[in-house]
Amino acid sequence: MRRSATPIIFTAIQSPAGGSSWRDLAACRTADPGIFFPDPGDVVGVERAKQVCDGCPVASECLSYAVGTNQTEGVWGGTTQGERRRLRQRWLKDLREAG
């Protein structure tokens, strides 16, 4: 699944109805965390992690959290650290230009 070029992720993260955390609904909550931190250059490992994220109902909340807190390692919300770095740079640029 290709992500939109325009991030819609930089909104306040709100808990779903019932007060549970978005993390409680994450597809990865029962997966081995190591899956999401593949070795550098491990394309198969990255794709394996992204497959979990592709079916996740809270992938956008996860991505928003990762970008907003500058997570520099691992796969978050279906993105690698390089993909998130580019999203964050674009987001910060947009903020500077807007303000």
PDB file of N, CA and C in Angstrom:
ATOM      1  N   MET A   1       0.842  -1.169   0.000  1.00  0.00           N
ATOM      2  CA  MET A   1       0.000   0.000   0.000  1.00  0.00           C
ATOM      3  C   MET A   1       0.892   1.237   0.000  1.00  0.00           C
ATOM      4  N   ARG A   2       0.688   2.128  -0.920  1.00  0.00           N
ATOM      5  CA  ARG A   2       1.481   3.348  -1.026  1.00  0.00           C
ATOM      6  C   ARG A   2       0.849   4.425  -0.159  1.00  0.00           C
ATOM      7  N   ARG A   3       1.663   5.061   0.635  1.00  0.00           N
ATOM      8  CA  ARG A   3       1.190   6.129   1.511  1.00  0.00           C
ATOM      9  C   ARG A   3       1.066   7.428   0.725  1.00  0.00           C
ATOM     10  N   SER A   4       0.161   8.248   1.135  1.00  0.00           N
ATOM     11  CA  SER A   4      -0.054   9.552   0.509  1.00  0.00           C
ATOM     12  C   SER A   4       1.187  10.413   0.635  1.00  0.00           C
ATOM     13  N   ALA A   5       1.480  11.190  -0.396  1.00  0.00           N
ATOM     14  CA  ALA A   5       2.623  12.087  -0.362  1.00  0.00           C
ATOM     15  C   ALA A   5       2.404  13.213   0.644  1.00  0.00           C
ATOM     16  N   THR A   6       1.186  13.553   0.910  1.00  0.00           N
ATOM     17  CA  THR A   6       0.871  14.598   1.881  1.00  0.00           C
ATOM     18  C   THR A   6       0.501  13.946   3.197  1.00  0.00           C
ATOM     19  N   PRO A   7       1.339  14.127   4.206  1.00  0.00           N
ATOM     20  CA  PRO A   7       1.028  13.472   5.476  1.00  0.00           C
ATOM     21  C   PRO A   7      -0.180  14.101   6.147  1.00  0.00           C
ATOM     22  N   ILE A   8      -1.039  13.230   6.631  1.00  0.00           N
ATOM     23  CA  ILE A   8      -2.211  13.672   7.379  1.00  0.00           C
ATOM     24  C   ILE A   8      -2.041  13.270   8.835  1.00  0.00           C
ATOM     25  N   ILE A   9      -0.806  13.054   9.213  1.00  0.00           N
ATOM     26  CA  ILE A   9      -0.517  12.408  10.483  1.00  0.00           C
ATOM     27  C   ILE A   9      -0.244  13.359  11.622  1.00  0.00           C
ATOM     28  N   PHE A  10      -0.037  14.624  11.332  1.00  0.00           N
ATOM     29  CA  PHE A  10       0.425  15.522  12.361  1.00  0.00           C
ATOM     30  C   PHE A  10      -0.718  16.235  13.051  1.00  0.00           C
ATOM     31  N   THR A  11      -1.611  15.435  13.564  1.00  0.00           N
ATOM     32  CA  THR A  11      -2.726  15.944  14.333  1.00  0.00           C
ATOM     33  C   THR A  11      -2.597  15.377  15.740  1.00  0.00           C
ATOM     34  N   ALA A  12      -3.317  15.922  16.640  1.00  0.00           N
ATOM     35  CA  ALA A  12      -3.259  15.415  18.013  1.00  0.00           C
ATOM     36  C   ALA A  12      -3.711  13.963  18.038  1.00  0.00           C
ATOM     37  N   ILE A  13      -2.984  13.165  18.764  1.00  0.00           N
ATOM     38  CA  ILE A  13      -3.341  11.760  18.903  1.00  0.00           C
ATOM     39  C   ILE A  13      -4.346  11.650  20.039  1.00  0.00           C
ATOM     40  N   GLN A  14      -5.531  11.202  19.708  1.00  0.00           N
ATOM     41  CA  GLN A  14      -6.569  11.054  20.711  1.00  0.00           C
ATOM     42  C   GLN A  14      -6.850   9.576  20.925  1.00  0.00           C
ATOM     43  N   SER A  15      -7.159   9.228  22.141  1.00  0.00           N
ATOM     44  CA  SER A  15      -7.509   7.849  22.443  1.00  0.00           C
ATOM     45  C   SER A  15      -8.847   7.516  21.815  1.00  0.00           C
ATOM     46  N   PRO A  16      -9.006   6.277  21.354  1.00  0.00           N
ATOM     47  CA  PRO A  16     -10.295   5.868  20.821  1.00  0.00           C
ATOM     48  C   PRO A  16     -11.368   5.871  21.906  1.00  0.00           C
ATOM     49  N   ALA A  17     -12.615   5.779  21.486  1.00  0.00           N
ATOM     50  CA  ALA A  17     -13.729   5.736  22.436  1.00  0.00           C
ATOM     51  C   ALA A  17     -13.481   4.621  23.449  1.00  0.00           C
ATOM     52  N   GLY A  18     -13.836   4.867  24.665  1.00  0.00           N
ATOM     53  CA  GLY A  18     -13.634   3.876  25.708  1.00  0.00           C
ATOM     54  C   GLY A  18     -12.369   4.126  26.503  1.00  0.00           C
ATOM     55  N   GLY A  19     -11.574   5.118  26.090  1.00  0.00           N
ATOM     56  CA  GLY A  19     -10.406   5.499  26.852  1.00  0.00           C
ATOM     57  C   GLY A  19      -9.176   4.636  26.656  1.00  0.00           C
ATOM     58  N   SER A  20      -9.234   3.639  25.789  1.00  0.00           N
ATOM     59  CA  SER A  20      -8.048   2.823  25.579  1.00  0.00           C
ATOM     60  C   SER A  20      -7.047   3.581  24.715  1.00  0.00           C
ATOM     61  N   SER A  21      -5.824   3.174  24.760  1.00  0.00           N
ATOM     62  CA  SER A  21      -4.768   3.800  23.978  1.00  0.00           C
ATOM     63  C   SER A  21      -4.780   3.243  22.559  1.00  0.00           C
ATOM     64  N   TRP A  22      -4.316   4.037  21.614  1.00  0.00           N
ATOM     65  CA  TRP A  22      -4.201   3.538  20.242  1.00  0.00           C
ATOM     66  C   TRP A  22      -3.298   2.313  20.209  1.00  0.00           C
ATOM     67  N   ARG A  23      -2.359   2.242  21.137  1.00  0.00           N
ATOM     68  CA  ARG A  23      -1.450   1.089  21.182  1.00  0.00           C
ATOM     69  C   ARG A  23      -2.184  -0.203  21.492  1.00  0.00           C
ATOM     70  N   ASP A  24      -3.282  -0.097  22.232  1.00  0.00           N
ATOM     71  CA  ASP A  24      -4.070  -1.290  22.559  1.00  0.00           C
ATOM     72  C   ASP A  24      -4.712  -1.906  21.321  1.00  0.00           C
ATOM     73  N   LEU A  25      -4.852  -1.113  20.272  1.00  0.00           N
ATOM     74  CA  LEU A  25      -5.487  -1.574  19.043  1.00  0.00           C
ATOM     75  C   LEU A  25      -4.480  -1.924  17.952  1.00  0.00           C
ATOM     76  N   ALA A  26      -3.196  -1.744  18.223  1.00  0.00           N
ATOM     77  CA  ALA A  26      -2.153  -1.938  17.223  1.00  0.00           C
ATOM     78  C   ALA A  26      -2.011  -3.402  16.810  1.00  0.00           C
ATOM     79  N   ALA A  27      -1.821  -3.609  15.532  1.00  0.00           N
ATOM     80  CA  ALA A  27      -1.632  -4.967  14.999  1.00  0.00           C
ATOM     81  C   ALA A  27      -0.359  -5.607  15.546  1.00  0.00           C
ATOM     82  N   CYS A  28       0.594  -4.797  15.961  1.00  0.00           N
ATOM     83  CA  CYS A  28       1.885  -5.305  16.433  1.00  0.00           C
ATOM     84  C   CYS A  28       1.903  -5.644  17.921  1.00  0.00           C
ATOM     85  N   ARG A  29       0.816  -5.390  18.621  1.00  0.00           N
ATOM     86  CA  ARG A  29       0.839  -5.500  20.090  1.00  0.00           C
ATOM     87  C   ARG A  29       1.207  -6.896  20.579  1.00  0.00           C
ATOM     88  N   THR A  30       1.007  -7.918  19.767  1.00  0.00           N
ATOM     89  CA  THR A  30       1.370  -9.274  20.184  1.00  0.00           C
ATOM     90  C   THR A  30       2.569  -9.819  19.409  1.00  0.00           C
ATOM     91  N   ALA A  31       3.145  -8.993  18.543  1.00  0.00           N
ATOM     92  CA  ALA A  31       4.289  -9.430  17.736  1.00  0.00           C
ATOM     93  C   ALA A  31       5.593  -9.251  18.508  1.00  0.00           C
ATOM     94  N   ASP A  32       6.592  -9.982  18.097  1.00  0.00           N
ATOM     95  CA  ASP A  32       7.935  -9.824  18.649  1.00  0.00           C
ATOM     96  C   ASP A  32       8.447  -8.443  18.263  1.00  0.00           C
ATOM     97  N   PRO A  33       8.776  -7.586  19.226  1.00  0.00           N
ATOM     98  CA  PRO A  33       9.243  -6.230  18.906  1.00  0.00           C
ATOM     99  C   PRO A  33      10.468  -6.209  17.998  1.00  0.00           C
ATOM    100  N   GLY A  34      11.267  -7.244  18.041  1.00  0.00           N
ATOM    101  CA  GLY A  34      12.464  -7.316  17.206  1.00  0.00           C
ATOM    102  C   GLY A  34      12.165  -7.253  15.719  1.00  0.00           C
ATOM    103  N   ILE A  35      10.970  -7.670  15.328  1.00  0.00           N
ATOM    104  CA  ILE A  35      10.572  -7.613  13.921  1.00  0.00           C
ATOM    105  C   ILE A  35      10.648  -6.184  13.404  1.00  0.00           C
ATOM    106  N   PHE A  36      10.368  -5.219  14.252  1.00  0.00           N
ATOM    107  CA  PHE A  36      10.278  -3.825  13.843  1.00  0.00           C
ATOM    108  C   PHE A  36      11.611  -3.079  13.908  1.00  0.00           C
ATOM    109  N   PHE A  37      12.660  -3.809  14.236  1.00  0.00           N
ATOM    110  CA  PHE A  37      13.999  -3.230  14.291  1.00  0.00           C
ATOM    111  C   PHE A  37      14.973  -4.125  13.521  1.00  0.00           C
ATOM    112  N   PRO A  38      14.736  -4.264  12.205  1.00  0.00           N
ATOM    113  CA  PRO A  38      15.621  -5.116  11.402  1.00  0.00           C
ATOM    114  C   PRO A  38      17.014  -4.498  11.274  1.00  0.00           C
ATOM    115  N   ASP A  39      17.969  -5.337  10.972  1.00  0.00           N
ATOM    116  CA  ASP A  39      19.337  -4.859  10.754  1.00  0.00           C
ATOM    117  C   ASP A  39      19.374  -3.916   9.556  1.00  0.00           C
ATOM    118  N   PRO A  40      20.291  -2.956   9.563  1.00  0.00           N
ATOM    119  CA  PRO A  40      20.423  -2.059   8.408  1.00  0.00           C
ATOM    120  C   PRO A  40      20.633  -2.862   7.117  1.00  0.00           C
ATOM    121  N   GLY A  41      19.904  -2.496   6.105  1.00  0.00           N
ATOM    122  CA  GLY A  41      20.017  -3.173   4.817  1.00  0.00           C
ATOM    123  C   GLY A  41      19.197  -4.447   4.695  1.00  0.00           C
ATOM    124  N   ASP A  42      18.499  -4.845   5.744  1.00  0.00           N
ATOM    125  CA  ASP A  42      17.676  -6.059   5.718  1.00  0.00           C
ATOM    126  C   ASP A  42      16.332  -5.734   5.074  1.00  0.00           C
ATOM    127  N   VAL A  43      16.302  -5.769   3.755  1.00  0.00           N
ATOM    128  CA  VAL A  43      15.099  -5.404   3.003  1.00  0.00           C
ATOM    129  C   VAL A  43      13.952  -6.353   3.327  1.00  0.00           C
ATOM    130  N   VAL A  44      14.243  -7.623   3.462  1.00  0.00           N
ATOM    131  CA  VAL A  44      13.199  -8.607   3.782  1.00  0.00           C
ATOM    132  C   VAL A  44      12.623  -8.327   5.168  1.00  0.00           C
ATOM    133  N   GLY A  45      13.477  -8.003   6.124  1.00  0.00           N
ATOM    134  CA  GLY A  45      13.007  -7.687   7.467  1.00  0.00           C
ATOM    135  C   GLY A  45      12.139  -6.445   7.492  1.00  0.00           C
ATOM    136  N   VAL A  46      12.520  -5.432   6.730  1.00  0.00           N
ATOM    137  CA  VAL A  46      11.716  -4.205   6.656  1.00  0.00           C
ATOM    138  C   VAL A  46      10.354  -4.521   6.054  1.00  0.00           C
ATOM    139  N   GLU A  47      10.334  -5.284   4.989  1.00  0.00           N
ATOM    140  CA  GLU A  47       9.052  -5.638   4.351  1.00  0.00           C
ATOM    141  C   GLU A  47       8.175  -6.459   5.290  1.00  0.00           C
ATOM    142  N   ARG A  48       8.777  -7.339   6.074  1.00  0.00           N
ATOM    143  CA  ARG A  48       8.015  -8.145   7.041  1.00  0.00           C
ATOM    144  C   ARG A  48       7.334  -7.222   8.056  1.00  0.00           C
ATOM    145  N   ALA A  49       8.064  -6.245   8.563  1.00  0.00           N
ATOM    146  CA  ALA A  49       7.490  -5.300   9.525  1.00  0.00           C
ATOM    147  C   ALA A  49       6.391  -4.471   8.865  1.00  0.00           C
ATOM    148  N   LYS A  50       6.639  -4.015   7.653  1.00  0.00           N
ATOM    149  CA  LYS A  50       5.650  -3.192   6.954  1.00  0.00           C
ATOM    150  C   LYS A  50       4.372  -3.966   6.667  1.00  0.00           C
ATOM    151  N   GLN A  51       4.470  -5.284   6.473  1.00  0.00           N
ATOM    152  CA  GLN A  51       3.271  -6.092   6.246  1.00  0.00           C
ATOM    153  C   GLN A  51       2.371  -6.078   7.471  1.00  0.00           C
ATOM    154  N   VAL A  52       2.957  -6.108   8.652  1.00  0.00           N
ATOM    155  CA  VAL A  52       2.162  -6.020   9.876  1.00  0.00           C
ATOM    156  C   VAL A  52       1.458  -4.671   9.922  1.00  0.00           C
ATOM    157  N   CYS A  53       2.194  -3.620   9.592  1.00  0.00           N
ATOM    158  CA  CYS A  53       1.635  -2.267   9.628  1.00  0.00           C
ATOM    159  C   CYS A  53       0.542  -2.054   8.585  1.00  0.00           C
ATOM    160  N   ASP A  54       0.663  -2.710   7.435  1.00  0.00           N
ATOM    161  CA  ASP A  54      -0.327  -2.528   6.373  1.00  0.00           C
ATOM    162  C   ASP A  54      -1.739  -2.883   6.817  1.00  0.00           C
ATOM    163  N   GLY A  55      -1.869  -3.842   7.710  1.00  0.00           N
ATOM    164  CA  GLY A  55      -3.194  -4.240   8.170  1.00  0.00           C
ATOM    165  C   GLY A  55      -3.589  -3.625   9.500  1.00  0.00           C
ATOM    166  N   CYS A  56      -2.814  -2.675   9.961  1.00  0.00           N
ATOM    167  CA  CYS A  56      -3.044  -2.114  11.295  1.00  0.00           C
ATOM    168  C   CYS A  56      -4.080  -0.992  11.270  1.00  0.00           C
ATOM    169  N   PRO A  57      -5.068  -1.056  12.163  1.00  0.00           N
ATOM    170  CA  PRO A  57      -6.098  -0.013  12.191  1.00  0.00           C
ATOM    171  C   PRO A  57      -5.619   1.314  12.781  1.00  0.00           C
ATOM    172  N   VAL A  58      -4.455   1.324  13.421  1.00  0.00           N
ATOM    173  CA  VAL A  58      -3.953   2.561  14.027  1.00  0.00           C
ATOM    174  C   VAL A  58      -2.570   2.942  13.485  1.00  0.00           C
ATOM    175  N   ALA A  59      -2.282   2.548  12.254  1.00  0.00           N
ATOM    176  CA  ALA A  59      -0.973   2.854  11.655  1.00  0.00           C
ATOM    177  C   ALA A  59      -0.726   4.355  11.581  1.00  0.00           C
ATOM    178  N   SER A  60      -1.756   5.141  11.291  1.00  0.00           N
ATOM    179  CA  SER A  60      -1.544   6.590  11.193  1.00  0.00           C
ATOM    180  C   SER A  60      -1.234   7.198  12.559  1.00  0.00           C
ATOM    181  N   GLU A  61      -1.864   6.708  13.617  1.00  0.00           N
ATOM    182  CA  GLU A  61      -1.559   7.185  14.964  1.00  0.00           C
ATOM    183  C   GLU A  61      -0.130   6.807  15.356  1.00  0.00           C
ATOM    184  N   CYS A  62       0.275   5.614  14.993  1.00  0.00           N
ATOM    185  CA  CYS A  62       1.633   5.152  15.268  1.00  0.00           C
ATOM    186  C   CYS A  62       2.647   6.025  14.534  1.00  0.00           C
ATOM    187  N   LEU A  63       2.379   6.289  13.274  1.00  0.00           N
ATOM    188  CA  LEU A  63       3.273   7.130  12.487  1.00  0.00           C
ATOM    189  C   LEU A  63       3.331   8.539  13.051  1.00  0.00           C
ATOM    190  N   SER A  64       2.195   9.073  13.435  1.00  0.00           N
ATOM    191  CA  SER A  64       2.159  10.407  14.033  1.00  0.00           C
ATOM    192  C   SER A  64       2.994  10.449  15.306  1.00  0.00           C
ATOM    193  N   TYR A  65       2.847   9.451  16.135  1.00  0.00           N
ATOM    194  CA  TYR A  65       3.640   9.365  17.363  1.00  0.00           C
ATOM    195  C   TYR A  65       5.128   9.324  17.034  1.00  0.00           C
ATOM    196  N   ALA A  66       5.500   8.477  16.084  1.00  0.00           N
ATOM    197  CA  ALA A  66       6.913   8.297  15.739  1.00  0.00           C
ATOM    198  C   ALA A  66       7.538   9.576  15.197  1.00  0.00           C
ATOM    199  N   VAL A  67       6.818  10.282  14.349  1.00  0.00           N
ATOM    200  CA  VAL A  67       7.346  11.522  13.783  1.00  0.00           C
ATOM    201  C   VAL A  67       7.341  12.621  14.849  1.00  0.00           C
ATOM    202  N   GLY A  68       6.271  12.701  15.595  1.00  0.00           N
ATOM    203  CA  GLY A  68       6.151  13.740  16.609  1.00  0.00           C
ATOM    204  C   GLY A  68       7.154  13.609  17.736  1.00  0.00           C
ATOM    205  N   THR A  69       7.585  12.387  18.025  1.00  0.00           N
ATOM    206  CA  THR A  69       8.565  12.166  19.086  1.00  0.00           C
ATOM    207  C   THR A  69       9.950  11.855  18.534  1.00  0.00           C
ATOM    208  N   ASN A  70      10.091  12.005  17.221  1.00  0.00           N
ATOM    209  CA  ASN A  70      11.370  11.831  16.526  1.00  0.00           C
ATOM    210  C   ASN A  70      12.004  10.462  16.779  1.00  0.00           C
ATOM    211  N   GLN A  71      11.204   9.411  16.593  1.00  0.00           N
ATOM    212  CA  GLN A  71      11.732   8.052  16.706  1.00  0.00           C
ATOM    213  C   GLN A  71      12.685   7.812  15.531  1.00  0.00           C
ATOM    214  N   THR A  72      13.937   7.552  15.822  1.00  0.00           N
ATOM    215  CA  THR A  72      14.947   7.450  14.772  1.00  0.00           C
ATOM    216  C   THR A  72      15.312   6.013  14.415  1.00  0.00           C
ATOM    217  N   GLU A  73      14.740   5.064  15.085  1.00  0.00           N
ATOM    218  CA  GLU A  73      15.053   3.656  14.815  1.00  0.00           C
ATOM    219  C   GLU A  73      13.774   2.874  14.571  1.00  0.00           C
ATOM    220  N   GLY A  74      13.867   1.851  13.766  1.00  0.00           N
ATOM    221  CA  GLY A  74      12.777   0.907  13.586  1.00  0.00           C
ATOM    222  C   GLY A  74      11.724   1.320  12.572  1.00  0.00           C
ATOM    223  N   VAL A  75      10.772   0.428  12.402  1.00  0.00           N
ATOM    224  CA  VAL A  75       9.624   0.640  11.515  1.00  0.00           C
ATOM    225  C   VAL A  75       8.448   1.031  12.394  1.00  0.00           C
ATOM    226  N   TRP A  76       7.883   2.190  12.109  1.00  0.00           N
ATOM    227  CA  TRP A  76       6.743   2.729  12.851  1.00  0.00           C
ATOM    228  C   TRP A  76       5.691   3.161  11.845  1.00  0.00           C
ATOM    229  N   GLY A  77       4.464   2.737  12.031  1.00  0.00           N
ATOM    230  CA  GLY A  77       3.394   3.165  11.137  1.00  0.00           C
ATOM    231  C   GLY A  77       3.667   2.835   9.682  1.00  0.00           C
ATOM    232  N   GLY A  78       4.408   1.774   9.448  1.00  0.00           N
ATOM    233  CA  GLY A  78       4.700   1.342   8.083  1.00  0.00           C
ATOM    234  C   GLY A  78       5.801   2.123   7.395  1.00  0.00           C
ATOM    235  N   THR A  79       6.609   2.856   8.159  1.00  0.00           N
ATOM    236  CA  THR A  79       7.682   3.649   7.560  1.00  0.00           C
ATOM    237  C   THR A  79       9.026   3.342   8.209  1.00  0.00           C
ATOM    238  N   THR A  80      10.067   3.473   7.423  1.00  0.00           N
ATOM    239  CA  THR A  80      11.428   3.310   7.925  1.00  0.00           C
ATOM    240  C   THR A  80      11.916   4.629   8.493  1.00  0.00           C
ATOM    241  N   GLN A  81      13.068   4.599   9.129  1.00  0.00           N
ATOM    242  CA  GLN A  81      13.591   5.838   9.698  1.00  0.00           C
ATOM    243  C   GLN A  81      13.875   6.863   8.612  1.00  0.00           C
ATOM    244  N   GLY A  82      14.341   6.442   7.451  1.00  0.00           N
ATOM    245  CA  GLY A  82      14.594   7.382   6.360  1.00  0.00           C
ATOM    246  C   GLY A  82      13.319   8.016   5.836  1.00  0.00           C
ATOM    247  N   GLU A  83      12.269   7.210   5.727  1.00  0.00           N
ATOM    248  CA  GLU A  83      10.973   7.737   5.275  1.00  0.00           C
ATOM    249  C   GLU A  83      10.416   8.735   6.288  1.00  0.00           C
ATOM    250  N   ARG A  84      10.544   8.403   7.563  1.00  0.00           N
ATOM    251  CA  ARG A  84      10.067   9.324   8.606  1.00  0.00           C
ATOM    252  C   ARG A  84      10.903  10.592   8.647  1.00  0.00           C
ATOM    253  N   ARG A  85      12.189  10.472   8.426  1.00  0.00           N
ATOM    254  CA  ARG A  85      13.047  11.658   8.424  1.00  0.00           C
ATOM    255  C   ARG A  85      12.590  12.631   7.336  1.00  0.00           C
ATOM    256  N   ARG A  86      12.286  12.120   6.155  1.00  0.00           N
ATOM    257  CA  ARG A  86      11.804  12.977   5.072  1.00  0.00           C
ATOM    258  C   ARG A  86      10.448  13.595   5.410  1.00  0.00           C
ATOM    259  N   LEU A  87       9.548  12.811   6.002  1.00  0.00           N
ATOM    260  CA  LEU A  87       8.252  13.357   6.426  1.00  0.00           C
ATOM    261  C   LEU A  87       8.437  14.464   7.447  1.00  0.00           C
ATOM    262  N   ARG A  88       9.297  14.234   8.415  1.00  0.00           N
ATOM    263  CA  ARG A  88       9.523  15.224   9.475  1.00  0.00           C
ATOM    264  C   ARG A  88      10.144  16.492   8.906  1.00  0.00           C
ATOM    265  N   GLN A  89      11.103  16.345   7.999  1.00  0.00           N
ATOM    266  CA  GLN A  89      11.728  17.519   7.390  1.00  0.00           C
ATOM    267  C   GLN A  89      10.702  18.342   6.619  1.00  0.00           C
ATOM    268  N   ARG A  90       9.845  17.664   5.879  1.00  0.00           N
ATOM    269  CA  ARG A  90       8.811  18.373   5.120  1.00  0.00           C
ATOM    270  C   ARG A  90       7.824  19.055   6.070  1.00  0.00           C
ATOM    271  N   TRP A  91       7.438  18.362   7.127  1.00  0.00           N
ATOM    272  CA  TRP A  91       6.520  18.911   8.125  1.00  0.00           C
ATOM    273  C   TRP A  91       7.124  20.155   8.781  1.00  0.00           C
ATOM    274  N   LEU A  92       8.398  20.078   9.197  1.00  0.00           N
ATOM    275  CA  LEU A  92       9.040  21.217   9.830  1.00  0.00           C
ATOM    276  C   LEU A  92       9.179  22.379   8.856  1.00  0.00           C
ATOM    277  N   LYS A  93       9.476  22.086   7.602  1.00  0.00           N
ATOM    278  CA  LYS A  93       9.567  23.128   6.579  1.00  0.00           C
ATOM    279  C   LYS A  93       8.221  23.818   6.411  1.00  0.00           C
ATOM    280  N   ASP A  94       7.152  23.032   6.339  1.00  0.00           N
ATOM    281  CA  ASP A  94       5.813  23.609   6.219  1.00  0.00           C
ATOM    282  C   ASP A  94       5.474  24.483   7.414  1.00  0.00           C
ATOM    283  N   LEU A  95       5.864  24.056   8.610  1.00  0.00           N
ATOM    284  CA  LEU A  95       5.616  24.863   9.810  1.00  0.00           C
ATOM    285  C   LEU A  95       6.368  26.188   9.753  1.00  0.00           C
ATOM    286  N   ARG A  96       7.623  26.142   9.328  1.00  0.00           N
ATOM    287  CA  ARG A  96       8.416  27.378   9.226  1.00  0.00           C
ATOM    288  C   ARG A  96       7.806  28.330   8.218  1.00  0.00           C
ATOM    289  N   GLU A  97       7.376  27.802   7.076  1.00  0.00           N
ATOM    290  CA  GLU A  97       6.807  28.648   6.024  1.00  0.00           C
ATOM    291  C   GLU A  97       5.444  29.216   6.425  1.00  0.00           C
ATOM    292  N   ALA A  98       4.711  28.475   7.254  1.00  0.00           N
ATOM    293  CA  ALA A  98       3.387  28.925   7.677  1.00  0.00           C
ATOM    294  C   ALA A  98       3.470  29.974   8.794  1.00  0.00           C
ATOM    295  N   GLY A  99       4.583  29.973   9.507  1.00  0.00           N
ATOM    296  CA  GLY A  99       4.549  30.786  10.678  1.00  0.00           C
ATOM    297  C   GLY A  99       5.439  31.883  10.856  1.00  0.00           C
TER     298      GLY A  99
END
